[in-house]
Amino acid sequence: MIRCSFPTIIDDLATIARDTVAPRLDGTEPFQVTTRPTPLQEKILDHLGVRL
Protein backbone atom coordinates (compact mmCIF):
# COMPACT_ATOMS: atom_id res chain seq x y z
CA MET A 1 0.00 0.00 0.00
CA ILE A 2 1.32 3.41 -0.96
CA ARG A 3 0.69 6.21 1.50
CA CYS A 4 0.68 9.80 0.30
CA SER A 5 -0.43 13.06 1.77
CA PHE A 6 -3.33 14.92 0.17
CA PRO A 7 -1.09 17.77 -1.08
CA THR A 8 1.29 15.21 -2.63
CA ILE A 9 -1.60 13.50 -4.43
CA ILE A 10 -2.91 16.84 -5.76
CA ASP A 11 0.59 17.85 -6.93
CA ASP A 12 0.98 14.50 -8.69
CA LEU A 13 -2.42 14.70 -10.40
CA ALA A 14 -1.63 18.25 -11.54
CA THR A 15 1.00 16.84 -13.92
CA ILE A 16 -1.70 15.30 -16.15
CA ALA A 17 -2.15 17.63 -19.11
CA ARG A 18 -4.46 17.94 -22.10
CA ASP A 19 -2.94 19.73 -25.07
CA THR A 20 -4.45 20.79 -28.37
CA VAL A 21 -2.36 19.85 -31.39
CA ALA A 22 -2.91 21.92 -34.53
CA PRO A 23 -1.08 20.27 -37.45
CA ARG A 24 0.06 22.55 -40.26
CA LEU A 25 -1.36 20.29 -42.95
CA ASP A 26 -4.18 21.45 -45.19
CA GLY A 27 -7.52 19.91 -44.24
CA THR A 28 -6.26 18.56 -40.90
CA GLU A 29 -8.33 19.54 -37.89
CA PRO A 30 -6.81 20.27 -34.46
CA PHE A 31 -7.10 17.44 -31.94
CA GLN A 32 -6.51 16.95 -28.23
CA VAL A 33 -3.91 14.73 -26.61
CA THR A 34 -3.93 13.83 -22.90
CA THR A 35 -0.76 12.66 -21.18
CA ARG A 36 -0.79 9.07 -19.94
CA PRO A 37 -1.20 8.79 -16.18
CA THR A 38 1.51 7.13 -14.12
CA PRO A 39 0.61 3.90 -12.28
CA LEU A 40 0.04 5.89 -9.07
CA GLN A 41 -2.16 8.41 -10.90
CA GLU A 42 -4.16 5.53 -12.45
CA LYS A 43 -4.76 4.07 -9.01
CA ILE A 44 -5.88 7.41 -7.61
CA LEU A 45 -8.17 8.06 -10.60
CA ASP A 46 -9.65 4.53 -10.27
CA HIS A 47 -10.45 5.18 -6.60
CA LEU A 48 -12.12 8.46 -7.59
CA GLY A 49 -14.04 6.84 -10.46
CA VAL A 50 -12.48 9.22 -13.01
CA ARG A 51 -11.83 8.20 -16.63
CA LEU A 52 -9.63 10.29 -18.92
PDB file of N, CA and C in Angstrom:
ATOM      1  N   MET A   1       0.844  -1.189   0.000  1.00  0.00           N
ATOM      2  CA  MET A   1       0.000   0.000   0.000  1.00  0.00           C
ATOM      3  C   MET A   1       0.884   1.245   0.000  1.00  0.00           C
ATOM      4  N   ILE A   2       0.566   2.166  -0.866  1.00  0.00           N
ATOM      5  CA  ILE A   2       1.318   3.412  -0.956  1.00  0.00           C
ATOM      6  C   ILE A   2       0.573   4.469  -0.162  1.00  0.00           C
ATOM      7  N   ARG A   3       1.297   5.143   0.705  1.00  0.00           N
ATOM      8  CA  ARG A   3       0.688   6.212   1.501  1.00  0.00           C
ATOM      9  C   ARG A   3       1.220   7.551   1.017  1.00  0.00           C
ATOM     10  N   CYS A   4       0.315   8.465   0.747  1.00  0.00           N
ATOM     11  CA  CYS A   4       0.680   9.804   0.296  1.00  0.00           C
ATOM     12  C   CYS A   4      -0.172  10.810   1.038  1.00  0.00           C
ATOM     13  N   SER A   5       0.361  11.994   1.179  1.00  0.00           N
ATOM     14  CA  SER A   5      -0.430  13.063   1.768  1.00  0.00           C
ATOM     15  C   SER A   5      -1.346  13.650   0.692  1.00  0.00           C
ATOM     16  N   PHE A   6      -2.390  14.312   1.118  1.00  0.00           N
ATOM     17  CA  PHE A   6      -3.327  14.920   0.170  1.00  0.00           C
ATOM     18  C   PHE A   6      -2.622  15.928  -0.734  1.00  0.00           C
ATOM     19  N   PRO A   7      -1.779  16.831  -0.188  1.00  0.00           N
ATOM     20  CA  PRO A   7      -1.086  17.766  -1.078  1.00  0.00           C
ATOM     21  C   PRO A   7      -0.185  17.064  -2.100  1.00  0.00           C
ATOM     22  N   THR A   8       0.443  15.961  -1.707  1.00  0.00           N
ATOM     23  CA  THR A   8       1.288  15.213  -2.632  1.00  0.00           C
ATOM     24  C   THR A   8       0.456  14.615  -3.759  1.00  0.00           C
ATOM     25  N   ILE A   9      -0.704  14.080  -3.417  1.00  0.00           N
ATOM     26  CA  ILE A   9      -1.600  13.504  -4.429  1.00  0.00           C
ATOM     27  C   ILE A   9      -2.052  14.585  -5.411  1.00  0.00           C
ATOM     28  N   ILE A  10      -2.457  15.743  -4.894  1.00  0.00           N
ATOM     29  CA  ILE A  10      -2.908  16.842  -5.760  1.00  0.00           C
ATOM     30  C   ILE A  10      -1.778  17.306  -6.668  1.00  0.00           C
ATOM     31  N   ASP A  11      -0.569  17.455  -6.111  1.00  0.00           N
ATOM     32  CA  ASP A  11       0.585  17.850  -6.926  1.00  0.00           C
ATOM     33  C   ASP A  11       0.853  16.837  -8.027  1.00  0.00           C
ATOM     34  N   ASP A  12       0.734  15.551  -7.701  1.00  0.00           N
ATOM     35  CA  ASP A  12       0.976  14.501  -8.687  1.00  0.00           C
ATOM     36  C   ASP A  12      -0.086  14.525  -9.781  1.00  0.00           C
ATOM     37  N   LEU A  13      -1.347  14.667  -9.407  1.00  0.00           N
ATOM     38  CA  LEU A  13      -2.420  14.699 -10.398  1.00  0.00           C
ATOM     39  C   LEU A  13      -2.330  15.941 -11.289  1.00  0.00           C
ATOM     40  N   ALA A  14      -1.747  17.007 -10.775  1.00  0.00           N
ATOM     41  CA  ALA A  14      -1.626  18.252 -11.542  1.00  0.00           C
ATOM     42  C   ALA A  14      -0.683  18.113 -12.734  1.00  0.00           C
ATOM     43  N   THR A  15       0.077  17.031 -12.795  1.00  0.00           N
ATOM     44  CA  THR A  15       0.999  16.840 -13.923  1.00  0.00           C
ATOM     45  C   THR A  15       0.310  16.233 -15.139  1.00  0.00           C
ATOM     46  N   ILE A  16      -0.940  15.808 -14.993  1.00  0.00           N
ATOM     47  CA  ILE A  16      -1.705  15.302 -16.145  1.00  0.00           C
ATOM     48  C   ILE A  16      -2.141  16.514 -16.965  1.00  0.00           C
ATOM     49  N   ALA A  17      -1.858  16.477 -18.257  1.00  0.00           N
ATOM     50  CA  ALA A  17      -2.148  17.634 -19.108  1.00  0.00           C
ATOM     51  C   ALA A  17      -2.921  17.215 -20.352  1.00  0.00           C
ATOM     52  N   ARG A  18      -3.768  18.121 -20.821  1.00  0.00           N
ATOM     53  CA  ARG A  18      -4.463  17.939 -22.098  1.00  0.00           C
ATOM     54  C   ARG A  18      -4.028  19.086 -22.997  1.00  0.00           C
ATOM     55  N   ASP A  19      -3.439  18.738 -24.122  1.00  0.00           N
ATOM     56  CA  ASP A  19      -2.938  19.730 -25.069  1.00  0.00           C
ATOM     57  C   ASP A  19      -3.712  19.638 -26.377  1.00  0.00           C
ATOM     58  N   THR A  20      -3.854  20.758 -27.039  1.00  0.00           N
ATOM     59  CA  THR A  20      -4.450  20.790 -28.370  1.00  0.00           C
ATOM     60  C   THR A  20      -3.325  20.859 -29.398  1.00  0.00           C
ATOM     61  N   VAL A  21      -3.349  19.919 -30.324  1.00  0.00           N
ATOM     62  CA  VAL A  21      -2.355  19.851 -31.389  1.00  0.00           C
ATOM     63  C   VAL A  21      -3.011  20.368 -32.666  1.00  0.00           C
ATOM     64  N   ALA A  22      -2.385  21.340 -33.293  1.00  0.00           N
ATOM     65  CA  ALA A  22      -2.906  21.918 -34.527  1.00  0.00           C
ATOM     66  C   ALA A  22      -1.885  21.681 -35.648  1.00  0.00           C
ATOM     67  N   PRO A  23      -2.030  20.555 -36.366  1.00  0.00           N
ATOM     68  CA  PRO A  23      -1.082  20.269 -37.453  1.00  0.00           C
ATOM     69  C   PRO A  23      -1.135  21.341 -38.539  1.00  0.00           C
ATOM     70  N   ARG A  24      -0.010  21.556 -39.191  1.00  0.00           N
ATOM     71  CA  ARG A  24       0.062  22.553 -40.264  1.00  0.00           C
ATOM     72  C   ARG A  24      -0.154  21.912 -41.630  1.00  0.00           C
ATOM     73  N   LEU A  25      -1.049  20.951 -41.687  1.00  0.00           N
ATOM     74  CA  LEU A  25      -1.365  20.288 -42.946  1.00  0.00           C
ATOM     75  C   LEU A  25      -2.746  20.731 -43.401  1.00  0.00           C
ATOM     76  N   ASP A  26      -2.886  21.031 -44.662  1.00  0.00           N
ATOM     77  CA  ASP A  26      -4.184  21.452 -45.194  1.00  0.00           C
ATOM     78  C   ASP A  26      -5.235  20.381 -44.935  1.00  0.00           C
ATOM     79  N   GLY A  27      -6.395  20.811 -44.458  1.00  0.00           N
ATOM     80  CA  GLY A  27      -7.516  19.907 -44.236  1.00  0.00           C
ATOM     81  C   GLY A  27      -7.430  19.096 -42.954  1.00  0.00           C
ATOM     82  N   THR A  28      -6.403  19.309 -42.152  1.00  0.00           N
ATOM     83  CA  THR A  28      -6.262  18.562 -40.904  1.00  0.00           C
ATOM     84  C   THR A  28      -6.793  19.407 -39.754  1.00  0.00           C
ATOM     85  N   GLU A  29      -7.720  18.850 -39.015  1.00  0.00           N
ATOM     86  CA  GLU A  29      -8.332  19.544 -37.885  1.00  0.00           C
ATOM     87  C   GLU A  29      -7.467  19.404 -36.631  1.00  0.00           C
ATOM     88  N   PRO A  30      -7.495  20.402 -35.751  1.00  0.00           N
ATOM     89  CA  PRO A  30      -6.813  20.274 -34.462  1.00  0.00           C
ATOM     90  C   PRO A  30      -7.424  19.128 -33.654  1.00  0.00           C
ATOM     91  N   PHE A  31      -6.613  18.517 -32.806  1.00  0.00           N
ATOM     92  CA  PHE A  31      -7.100  17.442 -31.939  1.00  0.00           C
ATOM     93  C   PHE A  31      -6.431  17.548 -30.581  1.00  0.00           C
ATOM     94  N   GLN A  32      -7.040  16.888 -29.588  1.00  0.00           N
ATOM     95  CA  GLN A  32      -6.514  16.945 -28.228  1.00  0.00           C
ATOM     96  C   GLN A  32      -5.778  15.666 -27.867  1.00  0.00           C
ATOM     97  N   VAL A  33      -4.708  15.838 -27.101  1.00  0.00           N
ATOM     98  CA  VAL A  33      -3.913  14.730 -26.610  1.00  0.00           C
ATOM     99  C   VAL A  33      -3.791  14.889 -25.093  1.00  0.00           C
ATOM    100  N   THR A  34      -4.074  13.818 -24.355  1.00  0.00           N
ATOM    101  CA  THR A  34      -3.932  13.827 -22.903  1.00  0.00           C
ATOM    102  C   THR A  34      -2.751  12.944 -22.526  1.00  0.00           C
ATOM    103  N   THR A  35      -1.904  13.448 -21.616  1.00  0.00           N
ATOM    104  CA  THR A  35      -0.765  12.655 -21.181  1.00  0.00           C
ATOM    105  C   THR A  35      -1.252  11.380 -20.504  1.00  0.00           C
ATOM    106  N   ARG A  36      -0.436  10.340 -20.582  1.00  0.00           N
ATOM    107  CA  ARG A  36      -0.790   9.074 -19.942  1.00  0.00           C
ATOM    108  C   ARG A  36      -0.500   9.167 -18.448  1.00  0.00           C
ATOM    109  N   PRO A  37      -1.452   8.744 -17.618  1.00  0.00           N
ATOM    110  CA  PRO A  37      -1.204   8.791 -16.176  1.00  0.00           C
ATOM    111  C   PRO A  37      -0.175   7.741 -15.755  1.00  0.00           C
ATOM    112  N   THR A  38       0.565   8.076 -14.712  1.00  0.00           N
ATOM    113  CA  THR A  38       1.509   7.128 -14.121  1.00  0.00           C
ATOM    114  C   THR A  38       0.713   6.038 -13.406  1.00  0.00           C
ATOM    115  N   PRO A  39       1.342   4.934 -13.024  1.00  0.00           N
ATOM    116  CA  PRO A  39       0.615   3.901 -12.279  1.00  0.00           C
ATOM    117  C   PRO A  39      -0.050   4.435 -11.003  1.00  0.00           C
ATOM    118  N   LEU A  40       0.635   5.312 -10.279  1.00  0.00           N
ATOM    119  CA  LEU A  40       0.036   5.890  -9.070  1.00  0.00           C
ATOM    120  C   LEU A  40      -1.167   6.754  -9.423  1.00  0.00           C
ATOM    121  N   GLN A  41      -1.036   7.571 -10.460  1.00  0.00           N
ATOM    122  CA  GLN A  41      -2.156   8.406 -10.897  1.00  0.00           C
ATOM    123  C   GLN A  41      -3.336   7.539 -11.324  1.00  0.00           C
ATOM    124  N   GLU A  42      -3.074   6.444 -12.049  1.00  0.00           N
ATOM    125  CA  GLU A  42      -4.156   5.535 -12.452  1.00  0.00           C
ATOM    126  C   GLU A  42      -4.891   4.991 -11.239  1.00  0.00           C
ATOM    127  N   LYS A  43      -4.142   4.611 -10.224  1.00  0.00           N
ATOM    128  CA  LYS A  43      -4.756   4.066  -9.015  1.00  0.00           C
ATOM    129  C   LYS A  43      -5.630   5.117  -8.327  1.00  0.00           C
ATOM    130  N   ILE A  44      -5.124   6.326  -8.230  1.00  0.00           N
ATOM    131  CA  ILE A  44      -5.884   7.409  -7.612  1.00  0.00           C
ATOM    132  C   ILE A  44      -7.153   7.689  -8.418  1.00  0.00           C
ATOM    133  N   LEU A  45      -7.013   7.786  -9.746  1.00  0.00           N
ATOM    134  CA  LEU A  45      -8.169   8.057 -10.599  1.00  0.00           C
ATOM    135  C   LEU A  45      -9.196   6.925 -10.519  1.00  0.00           C
ATOM    136  N   ASP A  46      -8.738   5.676 -10.434  1.00  0.00           N
ATOM    137  CA  ASP A  46      -9.647   4.533 -10.272  1.00  0.00           C
ATOM    138  C   ASP A  46     -10.445   4.656  -8.976  1.00  0.00           C
ATOM    139  N   HIS A  47      -9.770   5.019  -7.899  1.00  0.00           N
ATOM    140  CA  HIS A  47     -10.450   5.177  -6.601  1.00  0.00           C
ATOM    141  C   HIS A  47     -11.489   6.306  -6.658  1.00  0.00           C
ATOM    142  N   LEU A  48     -11.199   7.322  -7.456  1.00  0.00           N
ATOM    143  CA  LEU A  48     -12.122   8.458  -7.588  1.00  0.00           C
ATOM    144  C   LEU A  48     -13.211   8.206  -8.633  1.00  0.00           C
ATOM    145  N   GLY A  49     -13.055   7.138  -9.410  1.00  0.00           N
ATOM    146  CA  GLY A  49     -14.035   6.841 -10.462  1.00  0.00           C
ATOM    147  C   GLY A  49     -13.919   7.760 -11.658  1.00  0.00           C
ATOM    148  N   VAL A  50     -12.713   8.273 -11.914  1.00  0.00           N
ATOM    149  CA  VAL A  50     -12.482   9.222 -13.011  1.00  0.00           C
ATOM    150  C   VAL A  50     -11.858   8.486 -14.195  1.00  0.00           C
ATOM    151  N   ARG A  51     -12.383   8.754 -15.384  1.00  0.00           N
ATOM    152  CA  ARG A  51     -11.826   8.203 -16.626  1.00  0.00           C
ATOM    153  C   ARG A  51     -11.363   9.358 -17.487  1.00  0.00           C
ATOM    154  N   LEU A  52     -10.155   9.231 -18.050  1.00  0.00           N
ATOM    155  CA  LEU A  52      -9.631  10.290 -18.921  1.00  0.00           C
ATOM    156  C   LEU A  52      -9.967   9.995 -20.360  1.00  0.00           C
TER     157      LEU A  52
END
